Each structure stands twice: as C-alpha cells, then as structure tokens.
Amino acid sequence: MIGWLLQIFIYIVIIDVILSWIPEVRRQEWAQTLHKIADAPQKPIRDLLPQGMPLDPTPMIVILICQLLVSLF
C-alpha cells in the first residue's frame, strides 16, 4: 500500500516538473494544487541546496528517495 502511494507521488512530481515548463497551464487551479502537493517534501531539500543553481535537482532527489522507499516496501 505504501509503495503504491509512493509511486503515485512520483508521478505527481514528474507531472509537476513537466507543467513547470508550460506557464499557461501553471496558472490553472488544478495545476497549482498539484504543485502544492509535489512541493511540500521538496522545500526542506531545496533549503539545503545552494541558491542560484541553473537547474533545480530537488525533484530528482525526491524521486530517488521515493524509489528507495518503494524498494523497501
């Protein structure tokens, strides 16, 4: 059950990353809700990384952590 939820969360993060490249869609309410869900675990990791990086590796880090947890469950 936990592994299944983590897989769904991984898909949410991937969709959020794709939507970040489409600003017109980003303004819609469902996309903002999706961003809030995906961004919650990314904020603490983003705070640990140096500012001003050209690409944000936070989604990749979150996906890797989720994949490690899926392999445990």
Protein backbone atom coordinates (compact mmCIF):
# COMPACT_ATOMS: atom_id res chain seq x y z
CA MET A 1 0.00 0.00 0.00
CA ILE A 2 2.77 2.45 0.91
CA GLY A 3 4.73 1.52 -2.20
CA TRP A 4 1.67 2.20 -4.33
CA LEU A 5 1.20 5.65 -2.76
CA LEU A 6 4.85 6.48 -3.28
CA GLN A 7 4.58 5.51 -6.95
CA ILE A 8 1.60 7.84 -7.36
CA PHE A 9 3.58 10.62 -5.67
CA ILE A 10 6.49 10.04 -8.08
CA TYR A 11 4.09 10.52 -11.00
CA ILE A 12 2.77 13.71 -9.38
CA VAL A 13 6.33 15.07 -9.12
CA ILE A 14 7.05 14.19 -12.76
CA ILE A 15 3.83 15.86 -13.93
CA ASP A 16 4.67 18.94 -11.85
CA VAL A 17 8.11 19.18 -13.48
CA ILE A 18 6.57 18.95 -16.95
CA LEU A 19 3.95 21.57 -16.08
CA SER A 20 6.65 23.93 -14.84
CA TRP A 21 7.69 24.37 -18.49
CA ILE A 22 4.17 25.41 -19.53
CA PRO A 23 3.31 28.69 -17.75
CA GLU A 24 -0.21 28.93 -19.21
CA VAL A 25 -1.21 25.66 -17.58
CA ARG A 26 0.58 26.56 -14.34
CA ARG A 27 -1.99 29.28 -13.64
CA GLN A 28 -4.91 26.85 -13.53
CA GLU A 29 -6.23 25.84 -10.13
CA TRP A 30 -5.69 22.10 -10.54
CA ALA A 31 -2.07 22.69 -11.55
CA GLN A 32 -1.50 24.92 -8.51
CA THR A 33 -2.95 22.22 -6.25
CA LEU A 34 -0.71 19.62 -7.86
CA HIS A 35 2.28 21.92 -7.33
CA LYS A 36 1.44 22.34 -3.63
CA ILE A 37 1.31 18.56 -3.20
CA ALA A 38 4.58 17.99 -5.08
CA ASP A 39 6.40 20.92 -3.49
CA ALA A 40 5.75 20.02 0.17
CA PRO A 41 8.58 17.45 0.53
CA GLN A 42 10.83 19.40 -1.84
CA LYS A 43 11.01 22.57 0.28
CA PRO A 44 13.27 21.16 3.04
CA ILE A 45 15.62 19.66 0.46
CA ARG A 46 15.64 22.88 -1.59
CA ASP A 47 16.59 24.83 1.56
CA LEU A 48 19.70 22.66 1.99
CA LEU A 49 20.96 23.23 -1.56
CA PRO A 50 22.92 26.32 -2.62
CA GLN A 51 20.91 29.17 -4.11
CA GLY A 52 21.22 30.23 -7.74
CA MET A 53 21.69 26.86 -9.38
CA PRO A 54 20.72 26.88 -13.08
CA LEU A 55 18.68 23.68 -12.72
CA ASP A 56 16.75 22.53 -9.67
CA PRO A 57 17.80 18.96 -8.80
CA THR A 58 15.24 18.73 -6.00
CA PRO A 59 12.62 16.71 -7.95
CA MET A 60 15.28 14.16 -8.92
CA ILE A 61 16.38 13.85 -5.30
CA VAL A 62 12.78 13.38 -4.12
CA ILE A 63 12.15 10.76 -6.81
CA LEU A 64 15.32 8.88 -5.82
CA ILE A 65 14.30 8.90 -2.15
CA CYS A 66 10.82 7.68 -3.06
CA GLN A 67 12.28 4.92 -5.24
CA LEU A 68 14.48 3.80 -2.35
CA LEU A 69 11.44 3.70 -0.08
CA VAL A 70 9.43 1.77 -2.69
CA SER A 71 12.17 -0.84 -2.84
CA LEU A 72 11.90 -1.26 0.93
CA PHE A 73 8.13 -1.84 0.87
